[in-house]
Protein backbone atom coordinates (compact mmCIF):
# COMPACT_ATOMS: atom_id res chain seq x y z
CA MET A 1 24.13 -6.28 21.13
CA LEU A 2 25.17 -3.03 23.02
CA SER A 3 27.03 -3.11 25.95
CA LEU A 4 25.30 -1.06 28.77
CA ARG A 5 27.39 1.36 31.11
CA ALA A 6 26.33 2.87 34.23
CA ASP A 7 25.21 5.85 32.57
CA HIS A 8 22.86 4.30 30.27
CA GLU A 9 21.63 2.26 33.38
CA LEU A 10 20.66 5.42 35.06
CA ALA A 11 18.98 6.76 31.97
CA LEU A 12 16.90 3.70 31.56
CA ASP A 13 15.73 3.68 35.18
CA VAL A 14 14.56 7.28 34.67
CA ALA A 15 12.65 6.38 31.43
CA ALA A 16 10.83 3.45 33.23
CA ALA A 17 10.07 5.80 36.27
CA GLN A 18 8.17 8.41 34.20
CA PRO A 19 4.13 8.58 34.92
CA MET A 20 3.48 7.20 31.39
CA LEU A 21 -0.08 5.45 32.30
CA ALA A 22 -1.40 8.26 34.10
CA GLN A 23 -0.52 10.71 31.37
CA THR A 24 -2.09 8.46 28.75
CA LEU A 25 -5.28 7.93 30.82
CA ASN A 26 -5.29 11.98 31.20
CA TRP A 27 -4.75 12.80 27.51
CA ALA A 28 -7.42 9.87 26.51
CA ALA A 29 -9.89 11.21 28.65
CA ILE A 30 -9.93 14.54 26.40
CA ASN A 31 -11.59 14.01 23.07
CA SER A 32 -9.40 15.13 20.27
CA GLY A 33 -11.00 14.04 16.93
CA THR A 34 -9.26 15.75 13.98
CA ALA A 35 -12.38 18.17 13.61
CA ASN A 36 -12.94 18.84 17.53
CA LEU A 37 -10.88 21.88 17.71
CA SER A 38 -11.88 22.61 21.31
CA GLY A 39 -10.64 19.32 22.43
CA LEU A 40 -7.57 19.64 20.46
CA MET A 41 -6.92 22.83 22.06
CA THR A 42 -7.14 21.37 25.47
CA VAL A 43 -4.84 18.68 24.61
CA ALA A 44 -2.48 20.53 23.01
CA GLY A 45 -2.16 23.15 26.03
CA GLN A 46 -1.69 19.88 28.53
CA LEU A 47 1.00 18.43 25.92
CA ALA A 48 2.80 21.82 25.94
CA GLU A 49 3.05 22.03 29.50
CA ALA A 50 4.31 18.42 29.77
CA PHE A 51 6.84 18.88 27.37
CA SER A 52 7.94 22.20 28.53
CA ALA A 53 9.74 20.40 31.17
CA LEU A 54 12.27 19.65 28.59
CA PRO A 55 14.90 22.40 27.55
CA GLY A 56 14.70 24.21 24.27
CA THR A 57 12.03 26.31 22.58
CA ILE A 58 8.52 25.27 22.53
CA ALA A 59 5.51 26.72 20.71
CA LEU A 60 1.82 25.83 19.31
CA LEU A 61 1.86 26.59 15.56
CA GLU A 62 -1.26 27.33 13.63
CA ALA A 63 -1.90 24.87 10.93
CA ASP A 64 -1.88 25.37 7.13
CA PRO A 65 -5.16 25.99 5.46
CA VAL A 66 -6.83 22.57 4.30
CA GLU A 67 -9.08 22.53 1.24
CA ALA A 68 -11.74 19.97 1.18
CA ILE A 69 -14.64 19.01 -1.28
CA LEU A 70 -18.15 19.27 0.03
CA SER A 71 -20.87 16.93 -1.09
CA ASP A 72 -22.05 19.40 -3.47
CA GLY A 73 -18.89 19.74 -5.27
CA THR A 74 -17.80 23.48 -4.06
CA ALA A 75 -14.21 23.75 -2.17
CA ALA A 76 -14.39 24.86 1.27
CA THR A 77 -11.34 25.66 3.87
CA ILE A 78 -11.14 23.49 6.93
CA ALA A 79 -9.89 24.39 10.19
CA ARG A 80 -7.23 22.23 11.71
CA GLY A 81 -6.00 22.55 15.32
CA ARG A 82 -2.48 23.85 16.52
CA ASN A 83 0.68 21.77 16.08
CA LEU A 84 3.25 21.35 18.93
CA HIS A 85 6.86 22.16 18.01
CA LEU A 86 9.77 21.79 20.16
CA VAL A 87 13.45 22.58 19.28
CA VAL A 88 16.47 21.51 21.66
CA ARG A 89 19.89 22.00 20.98
CA PRO A 90 19.92 22.90 17.14
CA GLN A 91 23.83 23.26 17.30
CA ALA A 92 24.43 19.71 18.50
CA PRO A 93 26.48 17.59 16.09
CA VAL A 94 23.77 14.73 16.06
CA GLN A 95 20.25 16.17 14.80
CA LEU A 96 17.16 13.94 15.06
CA LEU A 97 13.43 14.23 14.45
CA LEU A 98 10.81 12.67 16.54
CA THR A 99 6.98 12.90 15.75
CA GLY A 100 3.59 11.83 17.01
CA HIS A 101 0.06 13.26 16.69
CA MET A 102 -2.54 14.38 19.18
CA ASP A 103 -5.69 13.77 17.17
CA THR A 104 -7.75 10.60 17.20
CA VAL A 105 -10.60 9.13 14.90
CA TYR A 106 -13.12 9.62 17.25
CA PRO A 107 -14.96 12.66 16.82
CA ALA A 108 -16.89 14.87 19.60
CA ASP A 109 -19.98 12.99 19.43
CA HIS A 110 -18.70 9.50 19.22
CA ALA A 111 -19.96 6.81 21.85
CA PHE A 112 -16.37 5.81 22.67
CA GLN A 113 -15.19 8.58 25.07
CA ALA A 114 -13.94 6.93 28.29
CA THR A 115 -11.40 4.56 29.50
CA ALA A 116 -11.54 1.30 31.34
CA THR A 117 -9.28 -1.53 32.67
CA LEU A 118 -10.22 -4.77 31.40
CA ASP A 119 -10.16 -7.90 33.11
CA ASP A 120 -6.54 -9.08 31.84
CA GLY A 121 -5.00 -5.64 32.62
CA ARG A 122 -5.49 -4.00 29.26
CA ILE A 123 -6.63 -0.52 28.95
CA ASN A 124 -9.70 0.12 26.63
CA GLY A 125 -9.91 3.78 25.71
CA PRO A 126 -9.85 6.26 22.57
CA GLY A 127 -6.33 6.77 21.32
CA VAL A 128 -4.86 5.14 24.19
CA ALA A 129 -2.46 3.21 21.87
CA ASP A 130 -3.00 5.45 18.86
CA MET A 131 -1.36 7.38 20.05
CA LYS A 132 -1.48 9.14 23.27
CA GLY A 133 0.16 6.24 25.05
CA GLY A 134 3.16 6.74 22.50
CA LEU A 135 3.29 10.49 23.38
CA ALA A 136 3.90 9.44 26.96
CA ILE A 137 6.72 7.22 25.65
CA LEU A 138 8.31 9.74 23.72
CA LEU A 139 8.40 12.36 26.48
CA ALA A 140 9.53 9.42 28.90
CA ALA A 141 12.47 8.81 26.45
CA LEU A 142 13.37 12.45 26.07
CA THR A 143 13.26 12.94 29.86
CA ALA A 144 15.87 10.18 30.32
CA LEU A 145 18.17 11.40 27.23
CA GLU A 146 18.07 14.77 29.27
CA ALA A 147 19.28 12.95 32.59
CA SER A 148 22.21 11.60 30.67
CA PRO A 149 25.55 12.84 30.04
CA ALA A 150 25.19 12.24 26.27
CA ARG A 151 22.47 14.93 25.93
CA ASP A 152 25.10 17.56 24.80
CA ARG A 153 25.99 15.47 21.55
CA ILE A 154 22.41 15.33 20.30
CA GLY A 155 19.77 17.84 19.39
CA TYR A 156 16.19 17.27 18.30
CA GLU A 157 12.99 18.56 17.17
CA VAL A 158 9.75 17.57 18.12
CA VAL A 159 6.47 17.68 15.96
CA ILE A 160 3.04 16.43 17.45
CA ASN A 161 0.50 17.38 15.17
CA SER A 162 -3.06 17.64 14.94
CA ASP A 163 -4.37 16.26 11.80
CA GLU A 164 -2.51 12.90 11.16
CA GLU A 165 -5.52 10.85 10.97
CA THR A 166 -6.71 12.85 7.96
CA GLY A 167 -3.43 13.12 6.10
CA SER A 168 -1.45 15.80 7.82
CA HIS A 169 -2.59 18.36 5.23
CA GLY A 170 -2.27 21.24 7.80
CA SER A 171 1.18 20.17 9.11
CA ALA A 172 3.05 18.25 6.28
CA ALA A 173 5.01 21.66 5.55
CA LEU A 174 5.93 21.59 9.14
CA ILE A 175 7.13 18.03 9.28
CA ALA A 176 8.99 18.53 6.15
CA ARG A 177 10.96 21.50 7.37
CA ALA A 178 11.74 19.84 10.65
CA ALA A 179 13.16 16.91 8.59
CA ARG A 180 15.89 19.12 7.11
CA GLY A 181 19.27 18.08 8.32
CA LYS A 182 18.34 15.18 10.38
CA ILE A 183 20.38 12.02 10.41
CA ALA A 184 17.26 9.91 11.44
CA ALA A 185 13.80 10.09 12.79
CA LEU A 186 11.57 7.82 15.19
CA THR A 187 7.79 8.31 15.10
CA TYR A 188 5.44 6.91 18.02
CA GLU A 189 2.52 5.21 16.17
CA PRO A 190 1.68 1.95 17.96
CA SER A 191 3.20 -1.22 17.08
CA ALA A 192 2.01 -2.92 13.96
CA ARG A 193 0.83 -5.87 16.02
CA PRO A 194 0.52 -6.40 19.87
CA ASP A 195 3.60 -8.41 19.90
CA GLY A 196 5.53 -5.23 19.19
CA LEU A 197 6.22 -5.87 15.52
CA LEU A 198 7.43 -2.81 13.91
CA ALA A 199 6.08 -1.50 10.48
CA GLY A 200 8.85 -1.82 7.92
CA ALA A 201 7.92 -0.63 4.15
CA ARG A 202 4.72 1.08 3.89
CA PRO A 203 2.68 1.86 0.58
CA GLY A 204 1.79 5.46 -0.14
CA SER A 205 -1.78 6.92 -0.13
CA GLY A 206 -3.96 9.23 -2.07
CA ASN A 207 -7.36 10.48 -1.33
CA PHE A 208 -9.56 11.76 -4.31
CA SER A 209 -12.84 13.66 -4.71
CA ILE A 210 -13.71 13.47 -8.08
CA VAL A 211 -16.58 15.87 -9.22
CA VAL A 212 -18.81 14.84 -11.95
CA ASN A 213 -21.12 17.46 -13.78
CA GLY A 214 -24.01 16.38 -15.84
CA ARG A 215 -27.26 17.70 -16.94
CA SER A 216 -30.70 17.19 -15.20
CA ALA A 217 -33.92 16.42 -17.24
CA HIS A 218 -37.13 14.58 -16.43
CA ALA A 219 -36.48 10.98 -16.04
CA GLY A 220 -39.73 10.04 -17.79
CA ARG A 221 -40.59 12.77 -20.38
CA ASN A 222 -37.18 13.62 -21.79
CA PRO A 223 -34.47 11.42 -20.09
CA GLU A 224 -32.53 11.30 -23.41
CA ASP A 225 -31.87 15.13 -22.81
CA GLY A 226 -30.08 14.32 -19.22
CA ARG A 227 -26.67 13.50 -18.57
CA ASN A 228 -26.67 11.11 -15.34
CA ALA A 229 -23.84 12.20 -13.31
CA VAL A 230 -24.28 9.33 -10.61
CA LEU A 231 -24.23 6.73 -13.27
CA ALA A 232 -21.03 8.51 -14.83
CA ALA A 233 -19.46 8.42 -11.17
CA SER A 234 -20.36 4.66 -10.84
CA ASP A 235 -18.87 3.86 -14.33
CA LEU A 236 -15.42 5.82 -13.07
CA ALA A 237 -15.68 4.00 -9.85
CA LEU A 238 -15.75 0.54 -11.60
CA ARG A 239 -13.01 1.65 -13.96
CA LEU A 240 -10.68 2.72 -11.20
CA ALA A 241 -11.19 -0.49 -9.31
CA ARG A 242 -10.06 -2.58 -12.09
CA ALA A 243 -6.60 -1.03 -11.46
CA SER A 244 -6.72 -2.82 -8.05
CA GLY A 245 -3.70 -5.51 -7.72
CA PRO A 246 -0.97 -6.69 -5.58
CA ARG A 247 1.05 -3.20 -6.05
CA LEU A 248 -2.14 -0.92 -5.90
CA SER A 249 -5.26 -1.04 -3.88
CA VAL A 250 -8.03 1.02 -5.00
CA ASN A 251 -10.83 1.63 -2.70
CA PRO A 252 -14.13 3.56 -4.44
CA ALA A 253 -15.51 4.61 -0.83
CA ARG A 254 -18.44 6.97 -1.59
CA ILE A 255 -20.69 8.62 -4.06
CA ASP A 256 -22.45 11.85 -3.22
CA GLY A 257 -25.24 12.79 -5.56
CA GLY A 258 -28.70 12.55 -6.80
CA GLY A 259 -32.13 13.31 -5.63
CA PRO A 260 -35.88 12.62 -6.52
CA ASN A 261 -36.32 9.23 -8.57
CA ASN A 262 -37.91 11.34 -11.31
CA VAL A 263 -35.08 13.78 -11.87
CA ILE A 264 -31.73 12.59 -13.96
CA PRO A 265 -29.19 13.61 -11.31
CA ASP A 266 -26.88 16.35 -12.76
CA HIS A 267 -24.08 16.21 -10.08
CA ALA A 268 -21.89 13.58 -8.07
CA VAL A 269 -18.63 13.48 -6.12
CA LEU A 270 -16.75 10.11 -5.76
CA ARG A 271 -14.47 9.63 -3.06
CA VAL A 272 -11.64 7.14 -3.94
CA ASN A 273 -8.21 6.02 -2.02
CA MET A 274 -5.47 4.58 -3.62
CA ARG A 275 -2.45 2.94 -1.94
CA PRO A 276 0.54 2.34 -4.13
CA ALA A 277 3.50 0.13 -3.18
CA THR A 278 6.31 2.04 -4.79
CA PRO A 279 6.75 5.63 -6.73
CA GLU A 280 6.19 3.63 -9.98
CA ASP A 281 2.98 2.47 -8.84
CA GLU A 282 1.91 5.80 -7.91
CA ALA A 283 2.76 7.00 -11.38
CA ARG A 284 0.62 4.22 -12.86
CA ALA A 285 -1.99 5.18 -10.45
CA ARG A 286 -1.97 8.89 -11.49
CA SER A 287 -1.99 7.79 -15.34
CA HIS A 288 -5.02 5.40 -14.54
CA ILE A 289 -7.14 8.23 -13.06
CA ASP A 290 -6.51 10.55 -15.88
CA SER A 291 -7.24 8.03 -18.59
CA ALA A 292 -10.47 6.78 -16.71
CA ILE A 293 -11.69 10.26 -16.33
CA ALA A 294 -11.08 10.92 -19.94
CA MET A 295 -12.83 7.83 -21.23
CA VAL A 296 -15.84 8.45 -18.69
CA ALA A 297 -16.41 12.12 -19.57
CA ALA A 298 -16.34 11.13 -23.19
CA ALA A 299 -18.64 8.02 -22.73
CA HIS A 300 -21.53 10.02 -20.74
CA ASP A 301 -20.90 13.36 -22.17
CA VAL A 302 -20.13 14.79 -18.59
CA THR A 303 -17.62 17.14 -17.07
CA ILE A 304 -15.32 15.91 -14.48
CA HIS A 305 -12.77 17.56 -12.03
CA SER A 306 -10.35 15.65 -9.86
CA HIS A 307 -9.23 17.08 -6.52
CA GLY A 308 -6.86 15.85 -3.98
CA GLY A 309 -3.69 13.67 -4.59
CA PHE A 310 -1.24 11.31 -2.96
CA ALA A 311 -0.42 12.98 0.50
CA ARG A 312 1.59 10.26 1.61
CA PRO A 313 4.43 8.99 -0.77
CA PRO A 314 5.14 4.96 -0.63
CA LYS A 315 7.84 4.30 2.12
CA PRO A 316 10.30 1.61 0.95
CA LEU A 317 13.24 0.51 3.07
CA ASP A 318 16.60 1.80 1.58
CA ALA A 319 19.90 1.01 3.19
CA ALA A 320 20.03 3.89 5.68
CA THR A 321 16.59 3.05 6.86
CA GLU A 322 17.71 -0.78 7.39
CA ARG A 323 20.53 0.17 9.32
CA LEU A 324 18.19 2.15 11.61
CA PHE A 325 15.85 -0.68 12.05
CA THR A 326 18.92 -3.01 12.81
CA LEU A 327 20.10 -0.45 15.56
CA VAL A 328 16.73 -0.55 16.98
CA ARG A 329 16.71 -4.26 17.10
CA ASP A 330 20.29 -4.33 18.74
CA CYS A 331 19.24 -1.97 21.38
CA GLY A 332 16.18 -4.31 21.84
CA ALA A 333 18.33 -7.33 22.28
CA THR A 334 20.26 -5.79 24.90
CA LEU A 335 17.11 -5.06 26.70
CA ASN A 336 15.72 -8.66 26.21
CA GLN A 337 13.28 -7.47 23.79
CA SER A 338 12.74 -9.26 20.44
CA ILE A 339 12.27 -6.73 17.82
CA ALA A 340 11.25 -7.27 14.03
CA TRP A 341 9.63 -5.59 11.24
CA ALA A 342 7.61 -6.26 8.32
CA PRO A 343 5.82 -4.54 5.59
CA THR A 344 2.39 -3.25 6.50
CA GLY A 345 -0.61 -1.50 4.55
CA GLY A 346 -1.24 1.39 6.73
CA VAL A 347 0.22 4.91 6.21
CA CYS A 348 1.33 7.49 8.62
CA ASP A 349 3.74 10.66 9.01
CA GLY A 350 6.65 8.17 8.55
CA ASN A 351 5.79 8.16 4.65
CA ASN A 352 6.31 11.86 4.38
CA ILE A 353 9.65 11.94 6.65
CA ALA A 354 11.27 9.03 4.53
CA ALA A 355 10.09 10.99 1.46
CA ALA A 356 12.28 13.77 2.83
CA GLY A 357 15.19 11.45 2.58
CA VAL A 358 15.39 10.76 6.42
CA PRO A 359 15.67 7.16 7.72
CA VAL A 360 12.71 6.75 10.07
CA VAL A 361 11.27 3.96 12.31
CA ASP A 362 7.81 4.99 12.63
CA THR A 363 6.20 2.43 15.21
CA MET A 364 8.15 3.03 18.29
CA GLY A 365 5.08 3.69 20.26
CA ALA A 366 3.07 1.42 22.64
CA ARG A 367 1.98 -2.15 22.15
CA GLY A 368 -1.82 -2.40 21.57
CA GLY A 369 -4.45 -3.36 19.15
CA ALA A 370 -7.99 -2.96 17.48
CA ILE A 371 -6.99 0.88 16.66
CA HIS A 372 -9.55 3.07 15.10
CA SER A 373 -12.50 0.95 16.81
CA ALA A 374 -14.26 1.13 19.94
CA ASP A 375 -12.17 -1.99 21.07
CA GLU A 376 -8.81 -0.04 21.06
CA TYR A 377 -6.57 -1.11 23.60
CA LEU A 378 -3.31 -0.54 25.42
CA ILE A 379 -0.89 -2.95 26.92
CA PRO A 380 0.16 -1.01 30.12
CA ASP A 381 3.49 -3.01 30.51
CA SER A 382 4.64 -1.71 26.84
CA LEU A 383 4.93 1.81 28.17
CA PRO A 384 8.28 1.38 30.27
CA GLU A 385 9.36 -1.28 27.85
CA ARG A 386 9.11 1.06 24.80
CA ALA A 387 10.32 4.00 26.78
CA GLN A 388 13.54 2.16 27.46
CA LEU A 389 13.93 0.98 24.07
CA SER A 390 13.66 4.54 22.63
CA THR A 391 16.03 5.83 25.33
CA LEU A 392 18.66 3.30 24.31
CA VAL A 393 18.27 4.07 20.68
CA LEU A 394 18.64 7.85 21.34
CA LEU A 395 21.83 7.28 23.56
CA ALA A 396 23.09 5.00 20.81
CA LEU A 397 22.45 7.63 18.20
CA ALA A 398 24.11 10.23 20.19
CA GLU A 399 27.07 8.32 20.59
CA ARG A 400 27.46 6.98 17.19
CA GLY A 401 25.86 9.52 14.87
CA ALA A 402 24.12 8.31 11.86
CA PRO A 403 23.02 4.83 11.75
């Protein structure tokens, strides 16, 4: 447990006093689904205005081009929103990375668009936990840090990206650059459970669009001349699913293709998600994809091309990350907050930060639940609670250096 000084107490008071609930409600009122570029532009502008109260250099950076495979198997470039990037005191002896995302899973035409206060005080609304509440916590903690004399010892980069919910393809390079030279990172995803549990080890995640090209023919007159792409894609889905186990989950999620009942389909696209527990499991998954594709192509006399890959590497807990988790736990104990962590099946930008060699705790955001559904909720009391936790962690890192 850490000993609190008067300057610590002052910073904690500043953190708790920030208008986090109002900010969360304002930002959640703006639809910012990953594909809603207009909504993302609006919320990015509001975030840039809010974070510009901090010192340093702030910018909204264009996303990198993102390739997507359409239902007909052709490739297209998908636009993504701009990413907020803030750099503060890059010459300070202690350098940190802090990240979050402004996008949600709710598109512009989704029915879930408004916030409401539930009878028990929870706030129901799109993105209130995942993660506009987390962004408010991040800003509050940094505002408190800037009110502390410890601020001169610590510099940081903040990245708030616009496409985390779809894999951060347009922002991964920015996050990797920002991670260079950092001793630690904090990411503001919501807690893994409503009680505040932190996500520890995470699996990796890969998304694949596998294009199958066969040959069309009349389904009654000469079916033997056809090569059924939908059948081949289904066979491939079953073969890939057989690799599922405790260390690798495989989800064949969708097959696009087919047409009239009297035509042998000559085209299909199989969409698959894979989640390996370790880098070795990721290598095994890659090998299984390659071998399954080769066997199905031969068995059905079709051509198959795989697009996509593992955008989120597995995130095991190494010694440095364990020390950072322990520091967060100790700061929590000082604040009478019980902090624990456990493995989870989800993935986030913390996976990519860990892959860059930087220890990261990636669930420093709000307590809440039912994320990615119309029942998503935020526990309002967790806003000052988590802001004070982050503040104390930042002060401890400023004073101690690497965890």
